N, C-alpha and C. Protein backbone atom coordinates (compact mmCIF):
# COMPACT_ATOMS: atom_id res chain seq x y z
N MET A 1 0.85 -1.18 0.00
CA MET A 1 0.00 0.00 0.00
C MET A 1 0.90 1.24 0.00
N GLN A 2 0.59 2.16 -0.89
CA GLN A 2 1.32 3.41 -0.97
C GLN A 2 0.91 4.33 0.16
N LYS A 3 1.88 5.08 0.67
CA LYS A 3 1.56 6.07 1.70
C LYS A 3 1.02 7.32 0.99
N ILE A 4 -0.08 7.82 1.50
CA ILE A 4 -0.70 9.01 0.91
C ILE A 4 -0.44 10.19 1.82
N GLU A 5 0.16 11.22 1.26
CA GLU A 5 0.38 12.45 2.01
C GLU A 5 -0.86 13.32 1.83
N ILE A 6 -1.50 13.64 2.93
CA ILE A 6 -2.72 14.44 2.87
C ILE A 6 -2.36 15.91 3.00
N THR A 7 -2.76 16.66 1.98
CA THR A 7 -2.58 18.11 1.98
C THR A 7 -3.93 18.75 1.75
N ALA A 8 -3.97 20.06 1.71
CA ALA A 8 -5.22 20.78 1.44
C ALA A 8 -5.76 20.45 0.05
N ASP A 9 -4.89 20.01 -0.86
CA ASP A 9 -5.30 19.73 -2.24
C ASP A 9 -5.61 18.25 -2.50
N THR A 10 -5.55 17.44 -1.47
CA THR A 10 -5.82 16.00 -1.65
C THR A 10 -7.32 15.76 -1.78
N PRO A 11 -7.74 15.16 -2.89
CA PRO A 11 -9.18 14.86 -3.01
C PRO A 11 -9.54 13.64 -2.17
N LEU A 12 -10.79 13.56 -1.75
CA LEU A 12 -11.27 12.42 -0.98
C LEU A 12 -11.05 11.12 -1.75
N SER A 13 -11.17 11.17 -3.06
CA SER A 13 -11.03 9.97 -3.88
C SER A 13 -9.66 9.33 -3.76
N ALA A 14 -8.64 10.08 -3.35
CA ALA A 14 -7.29 9.52 -3.20
C ALA A 14 -7.24 8.45 -2.11
N LEU A 15 -8.22 8.46 -1.22
CA LEU A 15 -8.25 7.50 -0.12
C LEU A 15 -9.00 6.22 -0.47
N PHE A 16 -9.61 6.20 -1.65
CA PHE A 16 -10.43 5.06 -2.05
C PHE A 16 -9.88 4.37 -3.28
N ARG A 17 -10.11 3.07 -3.35
CA ARG A 17 -9.65 2.27 -4.49
C ARG A 17 -10.34 2.75 -5.77
N LYS A 18 -9.60 2.74 -6.86
CA LYS A 18 -10.14 3.23 -8.15
C LYS A 18 -11.40 2.48 -8.56
N GLU A 19 -11.45 1.18 -8.27
CA GLU A 19 -12.62 0.40 -8.68
C GLU A 19 -13.88 0.78 -7.88
N HIS A 20 -13.73 1.60 -6.85
CA HIS A 20 -14.87 2.08 -6.06
C HIS A 20 -15.15 3.55 -6.31
N HIS A 21 -14.45 4.15 -7.24
CA HIS A 21 -14.64 5.58 -7.51
C HIS A 21 -16.04 5.89 -8.05
N GLU A 22 -16.61 5.00 -8.81
CA GLU A 22 -17.97 5.24 -9.32
C GLU A 22 -18.96 5.34 -8.16
N MET A 23 -18.82 4.44 -7.19
CA MET A 23 -19.69 4.45 -6.01
C MET A 23 -19.44 5.73 -5.19
N LEU A 24 -18.17 6.09 -5.01
CA LEU A 24 -17.83 7.30 -4.28
C LEU A 24 -18.37 8.53 -5.00
N HIS A 25 -18.28 8.54 -6.31
CA HIS A 25 -18.82 9.65 -7.12
C HIS A 25 -20.31 9.82 -6.83
N HIS A 26 -21.02 8.71 -6.81
CA HIS A 26 -22.47 8.75 -6.53
C HIS A 26 -22.73 9.30 -5.12
N VAL A 27 -21.96 8.83 -4.15
CA VAL A 27 -22.13 9.29 -2.76
C VAL A 27 -21.91 10.80 -2.68
N ILE A 28 -20.83 11.27 -3.25
CA ILE A 28 -20.53 12.72 -3.20
C ILE A 28 -21.63 13.51 -3.89
N ASP A 29 -22.13 13.00 -5.00
CA ASP A 29 -23.22 13.70 -5.70
C ASP A 29 -24.48 13.77 -4.84
N THR A 30 -24.73 12.75 -4.01
CA THR A 30 -25.91 12.82 -3.13
C THR A 30 -25.69 13.84 -2.02
N TRP A 31 -24.43 14.12 -1.67
CA TRP A 31 -24.12 15.13 -0.66
C TRP A 31 -24.22 16.56 -1.21
N ARG A 32 -24.07 16.73 -2.50
CA ARG A 32 -23.95 18.07 -3.11
C ARG A 32 -25.02 19.07 -2.67
N PRO A 33 -26.30 18.69 -2.65
CA PRO A 33 -27.30 19.68 -2.22
C PRO A 33 -27.12 20.12 -0.77
N GLY A 34 -26.42 19.32 0.02
CA GLY A 34 -26.20 19.64 1.42
C GLY A 34 -24.84 20.22 1.71
N LEU A 35 -24.14 20.63 0.68
CA LEU A 35 -22.82 21.24 0.86
C LEU A 35 -22.91 22.75 0.75
N ILE A 36 -22.22 23.43 1.63
CA ILE A 36 -22.16 24.89 1.64
C ILE A 36 -20.97 25.30 0.79
N GLY A 37 -21.15 26.36 0.00
CA GLY A 37 -20.06 26.84 -0.84
C GLY A 37 -19.73 25.85 -1.94
N LEU A 38 -20.75 25.22 -2.45
CA LEU A 38 -20.59 24.20 -3.47
C LEU A 38 -19.87 24.75 -4.70
N THR A 39 -18.93 23.98 -5.18
CA THR A 39 -18.22 24.35 -6.40
C THR A 39 -18.68 23.42 -7.51
N LYS A 40 -18.25 23.72 -8.69
CA LYS A 40 -18.61 22.89 -9.84
C LYS A 40 -17.56 21.81 -10.09
N GLU A 41 -16.69 21.61 -9.11
CA GLU A 41 -15.65 20.59 -9.23
C GLU A 41 -16.26 19.23 -9.51
N GLU A 42 -15.56 18.44 -10.27
CA GLU A 42 -15.90 17.05 -10.48
C GLU A 42 -15.89 16.38 -9.10
N ALA A 43 -16.85 15.52 -8.83
CA ALA A 43 -17.00 14.91 -7.50
C ALA A 43 -15.70 14.27 -7.01
N LEU A 44 -15.01 13.55 -7.87
CA LEU A 44 -13.81 12.85 -7.44
C LEU A 44 -12.62 13.77 -7.26
N GLU A 45 -12.75 15.03 -7.62
CA GLU A 45 -11.67 16.01 -7.43
C GLU A 45 -11.92 16.91 -6.22
N MET A 46 -13.07 16.76 -5.58
CA MET A 46 -13.42 17.63 -4.46
C MET A 46 -12.50 17.40 -3.27
N THR A 47 -12.13 18.51 -2.62
CA THR A 47 -11.21 18.45 -1.49
C THR A 47 -11.80 19.00 -0.20
N THR A 48 -12.92 19.72 -0.30
CA THR A 48 -13.52 20.34 0.88
C THR A 48 -15.00 19.98 0.95
N PHE A 49 -15.43 19.62 2.17
CA PHE A 49 -16.81 19.20 2.38
C PHE A 49 -17.37 19.94 3.59
N CYS A 50 -18.00 21.07 3.33
CA CYS A 50 -18.62 21.85 4.39
C CYS A 50 -20.13 21.57 4.33
N PHE A 51 -20.60 20.75 5.26
CA PHE A 51 -21.98 20.28 5.22
C PHE A 51 -22.94 21.25 5.90
N ASP A 52 -24.13 21.36 5.33
CA ASP A 52 -25.23 22.11 5.93
C ASP A 52 -26.06 21.08 6.69
N PHE A 53 -25.91 21.06 8.01
CA PHE A 53 -26.55 20.02 8.81
C PHE A 53 -28.05 20.24 8.98
N ASP A 54 -28.58 21.33 8.42
CA ASP A 54 -30.03 21.48 8.34
C ASP A 54 -30.57 20.67 7.16
N TRP A 55 -29.68 20.35 6.23
CA TRP A 55 -30.09 19.61 5.03
C TRP A 55 -29.71 18.13 5.12
N ILE A 56 -28.53 17.84 5.63
CA ILE A 56 -28.04 16.46 5.70
C ILE A 56 -27.60 16.15 7.12
N ARG A 57 -28.00 15.00 7.61
CA ARG A 57 -27.63 14.62 8.98
C ARG A 57 -26.27 13.93 8.98
N PRO A 58 -25.47 14.17 9.99
CA PRO A 58 -24.16 13.53 10.06
C PRO A 58 -24.21 12.01 9.94
N ILE A 59 -25.23 11.38 10.51
CA ILE A 59 -25.32 9.92 10.43
C ILE A 59 -25.39 9.44 8.97
N GLU A 60 -26.02 10.23 8.10
CA GLU A 60 -26.09 9.85 6.69
C GLU A 60 -24.71 9.84 6.06
N ILE A 61 -23.89 10.81 6.43
CA ILE A 61 -22.53 10.90 5.89
C ILE A 61 -21.70 9.72 6.41
N TYR A 62 -21.79 9.49 7.71
CA TYR A 62 -21.06 8.36 8.30
C TYR A 62 -21.49 7.04 7.67
N MET A 63 -22.77 6.86 7.44
CA MET A 63 -23.26 5.61 6.87
C MET A 63 -22.79 5.45 5.42
N ASP A 64 -22.77 6.54 4.66
CA ASP A 64 -22.25 6.48 3.29
C ASP A 64 -20.79 6.05 3.29
N LEU A 65 -20.00 6.65 4.17
CA LEU A 65 -18.58 6.29 4.26
C LEU A 65 -18.42 4.85 4.75
N THR A 66 -19.24 4.45 5.71
CA THR A 66 -19.18 3.08 6.23
C THR A 66 -19.50 2.07 5.14
N TYR A 67 -20.48 2.37 4.31
CA TYR A 67 -20.85 1.47 3.21
C TYR A 67 -19.64 1.25 2.30
N LEU A 68 -18.95 2.33 1.99
CA LEU A 68 -17.75 2.21 1.15
C LEU A 68 -16.66 1.39 1.85
N ILE A 69 -16.52 1.59 3.15
CA ILE A 69 -15.50 0.88 3.92
C ILE A 69 -15.78 -0.62 3.95
N ILE A 70 -17.02 -0.99 4.28
CA ILE A 70 -17.32 -2.42 4.42
C ILE A 70 -17.33 -3.14 3.07
N ASN A 71 -17.40 -2.39 1.99
CA ASN A 71 -17.32 -2.98 0.66
C ASN A 71 -15.90 -2.92 0.11
N ASP A 72 -14.94 -2.76 1.03
CA ASP A 72 -13.51 -2.77 0.71
C ASP A 72 -13.12 -1.65 -0.27
N GLY A 73 -13.81 -0.53 -0.16
CA GLY A 73 -13.49 0.58 -1.04
C GLY A 73 -12.36 1.45 -0.54
N LEU A 74 -12.11 1.43 0.75
CA LEU A 74 -11.10 2.30 1.34
C LEU A 74 -9.71 1.76 1.06
N TYR A 75 -8.87 2.60 0.49
CA TYR A 75 -7.50 2.23 0.12
C TYR A 75 -6.55 2.41 1.30
N THR A 76 -6.89 3.29 2.20
CA THR A 76 -6.05 3.64 3.34
C THR A 76 -6.67 3.08 4.62
N PRO A 77 -5.94 3.10 5.72
CA PRO A 77 -6.57 2.73 6.99
C PRO A 77 -7.69 3.72 7.35
N MET A 78 -8.64 3.26 8.12
CA MET A 78 -9.76 4.10 8.52
C MET A 78 -9.29 5.33 9.30
N SER A 79 -8.18 5.21 10.00
CA SER A 79 -7.64 6.35 10.75
C SER A 79 -7.23 7.48 9.81
N VAL A 80 -6.79 7.14 8.61
CA VAL A 80 -6.42 8.16 7.62
C VAL A 80 -7.68 8.88 7.13
N LEU A 81 -8.74 8.13 6.92
CA LEU A 81 -10.01 8.75 6.53
C LEU A 81 -10.50 9.70 7.62
N ALA A 82 -10.40 9.28 8.87
CA ALA A 82 -10.81 10.14 9.99
C ALA A 82 -9.97 11.41 10.01
N HIS A 83 -8.67 11.27 9.82
CA HIS A 83 -7.76 12.43 9.76
C HIS A 83 -8.17 13.35 8.61
N TYR A 84 -8.41 12.77 7.45
CA TYR A 84 -8.80 13.54 6.27
C TYR A 84 -10.08 14.34 6.52
N MET A 85 -11.11 13.66 7.03
CA MET A 85 -12.39 14.33 7.25
C MET A 85 -12.29 15.41 8.32
N ALA A 86 -11.42 15.23 9.31
CA ALA A 86 -11.21 16.27 10.33
C ALA A 86 -10.58 17.51 9.70
N MET A 87 -9.69 17.29 8.73
CA MET A 87 -9.01 18.40 8.04
C MET A 87 -9.86 19.05 6.95
N HIS A 88 -10.67 18.25 6.26
CA HIS A 88 -11.32 18.69 5.03
C HIS A 88 -12.84 18.85 5.13
N SER A 89 -13.38 18.68 6.33
CA SER A 89 -14.84 18.81 6.46
C SER A 89 -15.19 19.42 7.81
N ASN A 90 -16.45 19.73 7.96
CA ASN A 90 -16.96 20.21 9.24
C ASN A 90 -17.75 19.12 9.95
N LEU A 91 -17.54 17.88 9.55
CA LEU A 91 -18.23 16.75 10.18
C LEU A 91 -17.84 16.66 11.65
N SER A 92 -16.56 16.82 11.92
CA SER A 92 -16.03 16.91 13.28
C SER A 92 -14.58 17.34 13.17
N LYS A 93 -14.12 18.13 14.10
CA LYS A 93 -12.71 18.53 14.10
C LYS A 93 -11.87 17.53 14.88
N SER A 94 -12.51 16.56 15.50
CA SER A 94 -11.81 15.57 16.31
C SER A 94 -11.61 14.28 15.50
N GLU A 95 -10.35 13.98 15.20
CA GLU A 95 -10.06 12.73 14.51
C GLU A 95 -10.53 11.53 15.33
N ALA A 96 -10.34 11.61 16.64
CA ALA A 96 -10.73 10.50 17.52
C ALA A 96 -12.23 10.24 17.45
N THR A 97 -13.02 11.31 17.44
CA THR A 97 -14.47 11.16 17.35
C THR A 97 -14.87 10.57 16.00
N LEU A 98 -14.28 11.10 14.94
CA LEU A 98 -14.57 10.58 13.60
C LEU A 98 -14.23 9.09 13.50
N TYR A 99 -13.06 8.74 14.00
CA TYR A 99 -12.62 7.35 13.94
C TYR A 99 -13.56 6.46 14.76
N ALA A 100 -13.89 6.89 15.96
CA ALA A 100 -14.77 6.10 16.83
C ALA A 100 -16.13 5.87 16.18
N LEU A 101 -16.68 6.90 15.56
CA LEU A 101 -17.99 6.76 14.93
C LEU A 101 -17.91 5.87 13.69
N LEU A 102 -16.87 6.02 12.89
CA LEU A 102 -16.71 5.15 11.72
C LEU A 102 -16.58 3.69 12.16
N LYS A 103 -15.81 3.48 13.20
CA LYS A 103 -15.61 2.12 13.71
C LYS A 103 -16.93 1.55 14.25
N ARG A 104 -17.68 2.38 14.95
CA ARG A 104 -18.97 1.96 15.53
C ARG A 104 -19.97 1.58 14.43
N TYR A 105 -20.08 2.44 13.39
CA TYR A 105 -21.01 2.16 12.31
C TYR A 105 -20.56 0.95 11.50
N LYS A 106 -19.26 0.80 11.36
CA LYS A 106 -18.74 -0.37 10.63
C LYS A 106 -19.13 -1.65 11.37
N ARG A 107 -18.97 -1.64 12.70
CA ARG A 107 -19.36 -2.81 13.51
C ARG A 107 -20.85 -3.09 13.38
N MET A 108 -21.65 -2.04 13.39
CA MET A 108 -23.12 -2.19 13.29
C MET A 108 -23.54 -2.77 11.94
N CYS A 109 -22.82 -2.42 10.89
CA CYS A 109 -23.23 -2.81 9.53
C CYS A 109 -22.71 -4.17 9.10
N LYS A 110 -21.79 -4.73 9.84
CA LYS A 110 -21.25 -6.04 9.45
C LYS A 110 -22.20 -7.15 9.75
C-alpha cells in the first residue's frame, strides 16, 4: 500500500480504491445539495466538504462512508479517513471522534 500524504489539495477519492470511484462519485453527488459553498468541481476532485446540517444529517454521511469501507473501497486505513475528514470537512474537528464513529457504524453494519 502506498503512503498518501494528505494536503489541502488532496481529493477524498485519493483514499479510495479506483474500482470504487464510481460508487464514491455517486455518494458525493448525493451530498452536493447539502454542501455549503458548493463548487462545480468534479466529484472525485473535491477536497472540501462543508456540510449544511439542516439539510443532511451527520449519520447519513457516516453511513455512506461506512458502506464504502465495508465494501472494501477504502484504500487507506480508517484512521487516515478520519484524519482527512477532520481536516477537510466540518463533520467533526476531532479525529478521535470521527474514527470512533466510523468504527462503531462499521461494527453495526457487518
